[in-house]
């Protein structure tokens, strides 16, 4: 079985998060993207402590599809240095995990 990944990223607003989610699904880079509720983020950037509202994405994909997904996220993301973190999924409902694999297979573009 292919290794399943949960990829986490934060976007600056709902519109850009939903746009990215739609592209990732349409292109088969992800099987499912959860666009979560806005949250408060605190981080250090260029020597200053920053406070921002962000919209988190939880993206389900495979190790094989990850390079396509990362490339797409980097292109779609408005941040200079976007958060893109991949966490291996070590267990889950087998039928769901199989579905993730099926949905992230490269598309036949003929």
N, C-alpha and C. Protein backbone atom coordinates (compact mmCIF):
# COMPACT_ATOMS: atom_id res chain seq x y z
N UNK A 1 0.84 -1.19 0.00
CA UNK A 1 0.00 0.00 0.00
C UNK A 1 0.88 1.25 0.00
N UNK A 2 0.44 2.28 -0.68
CA UNK A 2 1.14 3.56 -0.71
C UNK A 2 1.08 4.22 0.65
N UNK A 3 2.13 4.96 0.97
CA UNK A 3 2.14 5.70 2.23
C UNK A 3 1.23 6.92 2.10
N UNK A 4 0.34 7.07 3.06
CA UNK A 4 -0.59 8.20 3.10
C UNK A 4 0.03 9.31 3.94
N UNK A 5 -0.16 10.55 3.49
CA UNK A 5 0.35 11.71 4.21
C UNK A 5 -0.79 12.67 4.52
N UNK A 6 -0.69 13.33 5.66
CA UNK A 6 -1.53 14.46 5.99
C UNK A 6 -0.64 15.69 5.87
N UNK A 7 -0.97 16.57 4.93
CA UNK A 7 -0.17 17.77 4.70
C UNK A 7 -0.92 18.95 5.29
N UNK A 8 -0.20 19.78 6.03
CA UNK A 8 -0.78 20.94 6.71
C UNK A 8 -0.18 22.20 6.11
N UNK A 9 -1.05 23.16 5.82
CA UNK A 9 -0.60 24.47 5.34
C UNK A 9 -1.59 25.50 5.85
N UNK A 10 -1.13 26.73 6.00
CA UNK A 10 -1.99 27.84 6.40
C UNK A 10 -1.98 28.91 5.32
N UNK A 11 -3.15 29.46 5.04
CA UNK A 11 -3.30 30.52 4.05
C UNK A 11 -3.78 31.79 4.74
N UNK A 12 -3.54 32.96 4.13
CA UNK A 12 -3.87 34.21 4.80
C UNK A 12 -5.36 34.53 4.85
N UNK A 13 -6.17 33.86 4.00
CA UNK A 13 -7.60 34.15 3.98
C UNK A 13 -8.35 32.97 3.37
N UNK A 14 -9.66 32.96 3.57
CA UNK A 14 -10.51 31.87 3.12
C UNK A 14 -10.50 31.73 1.60
N UNK A 15 -10.54 32.85 0.88
CA UNK A 15 -10.60 32.80 -0.57
C UNK A 15 -9.37 32.10 -1.15
N UNK A 16 -8.18 32.45 -0.69
CA UNK A 16 -6.97 31.81 -1.23
C UNK A 16 -6.88 30.35 -0.79
N UNK A 17 -7.36 30.03 0.42
CA UNK A 17 -7.36 28.65 0.89
C UNK A 17 -8.30 27.79 0.05
N UNK A 18 -9.50 28.29 -0.22
CA UNK A 18 -10.47 27.52 -1.01
C UNK A 18 -10.02 27.39 -2.46
N UNK A 19 -9.39 28.41 -3.00
CA UNK A 19 -8.85 28.31 -4.36
C UNK A 19 -7.80 27.21 -4.43
N UNK A 20 -6.87 27.20 -3.49
CA UNK A 20 -5.83 26.18 -3.46
C UNK A 20 -6.45 24.79 -3.31
N UNK A 21 -7.40 24.65 -2.42
CA UNK A 21 -8.05 23.35 -2.20
C UNK A 21 -8.68 22.85 -3.50
N UNK A 22 -9.38 23.72 -4.20
CA UNK A 22 -10.03 23.33 -5.45
C UNK A 22 -9.05 22.88 -6.51
N UNK A 23 -7.94 23.59 -6.63
CA UNK A 23 -6.93 23.22 -7.62
C UNK A 23 -6.29 21.88 -7.27
N UNK A 24 -5.96 21.67 -5.99
CA UNK A 24 -5.33 20.42 -5.57
C UNK A 24 -6.23 19.21 -5.86
N UNK A 25 -7.53 19.37 -5.64
CA UNK A 25 -8.47 18.29 -5.91
C UNK A 25 -8.63 18.10 -7.42
N UNK A 26 -8.83 19.17 -8.14
CA UNK A 26 -9.05 19.08 -9.60
C UNK A 26 -7.87 18.43 -10.30
N UNK A 27 -6.66 18.72 -9.83
CA UNK A 27 -5.46 18.18 -10.48
C UNK A 27 -5.07 16.80 -9.97
N UNK A 28 -5.80 16.27 -8.97
CA UNK A 28 -5.49 14.95 -8.44
C UNK A 28 -4.27 14.91 -7.53
N UNK A 29 -3.85 16.07 -7.03
CA UNK A 29 -2.71 16.11 -6.11
C UNK A 29 -3.12 15.71 -4.70
N UNK A 30 -4.41 15.81 -4.42
CA UNK A 30 -4.95 15.45 -3.11
C UNK A 30 -6.29 14.75 -3.30
N UNK A 31 -6.63 13.90 -2.35
CA UNK A 31 -7.93 13.21 -2.38
C UNK A 31 -8.98 14.03 -1.66
N UNK A 32 -8.57 14.77 -0.64
CA UNK A 32 -9.49 15.55 0.19
C UNK A 32 -8.72 16.69 0.81
N UNK A 33 -9.36 17.85 0.87
CA UNK A 33 -8.76 19.00 1.56
C UNK A 33 -9.82 19.58 2.49
N UNK A 34 -9.49 19.65 3.77
CA UNK A 34 -10.36 20.31 4.73
C UNK A 34 -9.91 21.75 4.87
N UNK A 35 -10.82 22.68 4.61
CA UNK A 35 -10.56 24.10 4.83
C UNK A 35 -11.16 24.40 6.20
N UNK A 36 -10.30 24.65 7.16
CA UNK A 36 -10.73 24.79 8.55
C UNK A 36 -11.10 26.24 8.87
N UNK A 37 -11.60 26.42 10.07
CA UNK A 37 -11.97 27.76 10.54
C UNK A 37 -10.71 28.59 10.75
N UNK A 38 -10.86 29.89 10.58
CA UNK A 38 -9.76 30.82 10.79
C UNK A 38 -9.18 30.63 12.19
N UNK A 39 -7.87 30.77 12.28
CA UNK A 39 -7.20 30.66 13.58
C UNK A 39 -6.20 31.79 13.73
N UNK A 40 -5.74 31.98 14.96
CA UNK A 40 -4.71 32.98 15.24
C UNK A 40 -3.36 32.29 15.21
N UNK A 41 -2.41 32.85 14.48
CA UNK A 41 -1.05 32.33 14.43
C UNK A 41 -0.09 33.36 14.97
N UNK A 42 0.86 32.90 15.76
CA UNK A 42 1.92 33.76 16.30
C UNK A 42 3.23 33.12 15.90
N UNK A 43 4.10 33.90 15.26
CA UNK A 43 5.37 33.35 14.77
C UNK A 43 6.39 34.48 14.65
N UNK A 44 7.66 34.07 14.53
CA UNK A 44 8.73 35.04 14.34
C UNK A 44 9.05 35.06 12.86
N UNK A 45 9.07 36.25 12.26
CA UNK A 45 9.42 36.40 10.85
C UNK A 45 10.32 37.61 10.70
N UNK A 46 11.50 37.38 10.11
CA UNK A 46 12.47 38.43 9.90
C UNK A 46 12.76 39.22 11.18
N UNK A 47 12.91 38.46 12.27
CA UNK A 47 13.30 39.05 13.55
C UNK A 47 12.20 39.68 14.37
N UNK A 48 10.96 39.67 13.85
CA UNK A 48 9.85 40.28 14.59
C UNK A 48 8.80 39.23 14.92
N UNK A 49 8.17 39.37 16.07
CA UNK A 49 7.05 38.51 16.42
C UNK A 49 5.81 39.02 15.68
N UNK A 50 5.19 38.15 14.94
CA UNK A 50 4.02 38.50 14.12
C UNK A 50 2.78 37.82 14.68
N UNK A 51 1.65 38.47 14.52
CA UNK A 51 0.34 37.92 14.86
C UNK A 51 -0.51 38.01 13.59
N UNK A 52 -1.10 36.88 13.20
CA UNK A 52 -1.88 36.88 11.96
C UNK A 52 -3.08 35.94 12.09
N UNK A 53 -4.12 36.26 11.34
CA UNK A 53 -5.24 35.34 11.18
C UNK A 53 -4.96 34.51 9.94
N UNK A 54 -5.12 33.20 10.06
CA UNK A 54 -4.85 32.31 8.94
C UNK A 54 -5.94 31.25 8.85
N UNK A 55 -6.04 30.65 7.67
CA UNK A 55 -7.00 29.58 7.42
C UNK A 55 -6.21 28.30 7.16
N UNK A 56 -6.30 27.32 8.07
CA UNK A 56 -5.55 26.07 7.91
C UNK A 56 -6.19 25.14 6.88
N UNK A 57 -5.33 24.41 6.17
CA UNK A 57 -5.76 23.33 5.30
C UNK A 57 -5.19 22.03 5.83
N UNK A 58 -6.01 20.99 5.85
CA UNK A 58 -5.57 19.62 6.09
C UNK A 58 -5.77 18.88 4.78
N UNK A 59 -4.67 18.41 4.21
CA UNK A 59 -4.67 17.84 2.87
C UNK A 59 -4.28 16.37 2.96
N UNK A 60 -5.11 15.50 2.38
CA UNK A 60 -4.80 14.07 2.37
C UNK A 60 -4.26 13.68 1.00
N UNK A 61 -3.06 13.06 1.00
CA UNK A 61 -2.41 12.67 -0.24
C UNK A 61 -1.54 11.45 0.01
N UNK A 62 -0.73 11.10 -0.97
CA UNK A 62 0.20 9.98 -0.82
C UNK A 62 1.63 10.48 -0.97
N UNK A 63 2.56 9.66 -0.54
CA UNK A 63 3.98 9.98 -0.70
C UNK A 63 4.29 10.16 -2.20
N UNK A 64 3.71 9.32 -3.05
CA UNK A 64 3.95 9.40 -4.49
C UNK A 64 3.44 10.71 -5.08
N UNK A 65 2.31 11.20 -4.60
CA UNK A 65 1.72 12.44 -5.12
C UNK A 65 2.30 13.69 -4.46
N UNK A 66 3.04 13.51 -3.38
CA UNK A 66 3.52 14.67 -2.63
C UNK A 66 4.34 15.66 -3.46
N UNK A 67 5.27 15.23 -4.30
CA UNK A 67 6.04 16.22 -5.07
C UNK A 67 5.13 17.12 -5.93
N UNK A 68 4.10 16.55 -6.56
CA UNK A 68 3.15 17.36 -7.34
C UNK A 68 2.42 18.33 -6.43
N UNK A 69 1.97 17.84 -5.28
CA UNK A 69 1.23 18.67 -4.34
C UNK A 69 2.09 19.82 -3.83
N UNK A 70 3.33 19.52 -3.42
CA UNK A 70 4.21 20.58 -2.92
C UNK A 70 4.46 21.64 -3.99
N UNK A 71 4.70 21.20 -5.21
CA UNK A 71 4.93 22.14 -6.31
C UNK A 71 3.71 23.04 -6.52
N UNK A 72 2.53 22.44 -6.51
CA UNK A 72 1.29 23.21 -6.70
C UNK A 72 1.09 24.19 -5.55
N UNK A 73 1.30 23.74 -4.31
CA UNK A 73 1.13 24.64 -3.16
C UNK A 73 2.10 25.82 -3.23
N UNK A 74 3.33 25.56 -3.61
CA UNK A 74 4.31 26.65 -3.71
C UNK A 74 3.89 27.66 -4.76
N UNK A 75 3.33 27.17 -5.86
CA UNK A 75 2.88 28.07 -6.93
C UNK A 75 1.64 28.86 -6.52
N UNK A 76 0.71 28.21 -5.82
CA UNK A 76 -0.56 28.83 -5.46
C UNK A 76 -0.45 29.75 -4.24
N UNK A 77 0.52 29.50 -3.40
CA UNK A 77 0.58 30.17 -2.09
C UNK A 77 1.07 31.60 -2.21
N UNK A 78 0.40 32.55 -1.54
CA UNK A 78 0.84 33.94 -1.60
C UNK A 78 2.03 34.26 -0.69
N UNK A 79 2.36 33.38 0.25
CA UNK A 79 3.46 33.66 1.16
C UNK A 79 4.81 33.41 0.49
N UNK A 80 5.80 34.19 0.89
CA UNK A 80 7.17 33.98 0.43
C UNK A 80 7.69 32.62 0.88
N UNK A 81 7.38 32.25 2.12
CA UNK A 81 7.81 30.97 2.69
C UNK A 81 6.57 30.29 3.29
N UNK A 82 5.85 29.51 2.48
CA UNK A 82 4.63 28.89 3.00
C UNK A 82 4.93 27.72 3.93
N UNK A 83 4.04 27.55 4.90
CA UNK A 83 4.10 26.35 5.75
C UNK A 83 3.57 25.19 4.93
N UNK A 84 4.42 24.18 4.74
CA UNK A 84 4.01 22.93 4.08
C UNK A 84 4.66 21.83 4.90
N UNK A 85 3.85 21.13 5.69
CA UNK A 85 4.35 20.08 6.58
C UNK A 85 3.61 18.80 6.25
N UNK A 86 4.37 17.73 6.01
CA UNK A 86 3.76 16.43 5.72
C UNK A 86 3.99 15.48 6.89
N UNK A 87 2.89 14.90 7.37
CA UNK A 87 2.93 13.98 8.49
C UNK A 87 2.47 12.61 8.01
N UNK A 88 3.25 11.55 8.23
CA UNK A 88 2.80 10.23 7.80
C UNK A 88 1.58 9.77 8.59
N UNK A 89 0.65 9.14 7.89
CA UNK A 89 -0.52 8.54 8.53
C UNK A 89 -0.15 7.09 8.81
N UNK A 90 -0.10 6.71 10.08
CA UNK A 90 0.35 5.37 10.44
C UNK A 90 -0.78 4.36 10.56
N UNK A 91 -2.02 4.84 10.62
CA UNK A 91 -3.16 3.93 10.70
C UNK A 91 -4.39 4.69 10.24
N UNK A 92 -5.39 3.93 9.81
CA UNK A 92 -6.64 4.54 9.37
C UNK A 92 -7.56 3.47 8.80
N UNK A 93 -8.78 3.85 8.53
CA UNK A 93 -9.75 2.94 7.93
C UNK A 93 -9.21 2.50 6.58
N UNK A 94 -8.96 1.21 6.38
CA UNK A 94 -8.35 0.75 5.13
C UNK A 94 -9.08 1.21 3.87
N UNK A 95 -10.39 1.19 3.87
CA UNK A 95 -11.14 1.61 2.68
C UNK A 95 -10.90 3.09 2.39
N UNK A 96 -10.80 3.92 3.42
CA UNK A 96 -10.53 5.35 3.22
C UNK A 96 -9.12 5.54 2.67
N UNK A 97 -8.16 4.85 3.24
CA UNK A 97 -6.78 4.98 2.78
C UNK A 97 -6.64 4.52 1.33
N UNK A 98 -7.35 3.44 0.96
CA UNK A 98 -7.36 2.99 -0.43
C UNK A 98 -7.94 4.06 -1.34
N UNK A 99 -8.99 4.73 -0.88
CA UNK A 99 -9.62 5.80 -1.65
C UNK A 99 -8.65 6.94 -1.89
N UNK A 100 -7.86 7.31 -0.87
CA UNK A 100 -6.86 8.37 -1.03
C UNK A 100 -5.87 7.98 -2.13
N UNK A 101 -5.43 6.74 -2.12
CA UNK A 101 -4.50 6.26 -3.14
C UNK A 101 -5.12 6.36 -4.53
N UNK A 102 -6.35 5.89 -4.67
CA UNK A 102 -7.03 5.95 -5.97
C UNK A 102 -7.21 7.37 -6.48
N UNK A 103 -7.57 8.28 -5.60
CA UNK A 103 -7.85 9.66 -6.01
C UNK A 103 -6.60 10.46 -6.37
N UNK A 104 -5.43 9.99 -5.94
CA UNK A 104 -4.20 10.74 -6.20
C UNK A 104 -3.34 10.09 -7.28
N UNK A 105 -3.89 9.11 -7.98
CA UNK A 105 -3.17 8.52 -9.11
C UNK A 105 -3.04 9.57 -10.21
N UNK A 106 -1.90 9.56 -10.92
CA UNK A 106 -1.78 10.52 -12.03
C UNK A 106 -2.93 10.37 -13.01
N UNK A 107 -3.43 11.50 -13.46
CA UNK A 107 -4.57 11.52 -14.39
C UNK A 107 -4.11 11.21 -15.81
N UNK A 108 -4.94 10.47 -16.54
CA UNK A 108 -4.70 10.22 -17.95
C UNK A 108 -5.16 11.47 -18.71
N UNK A 109 -4.24 12.16 -19.35
CA UNK A 109 -4.57 13.43 -20.00
C UNK A 109 -4.81 13.30 -21.50
N UNK A 110 -5.12 12.10 -21.94
CA UNK A 110 -5.40 11.94 -23.38
C UNK A 110 -6.74 12.51 -23.75
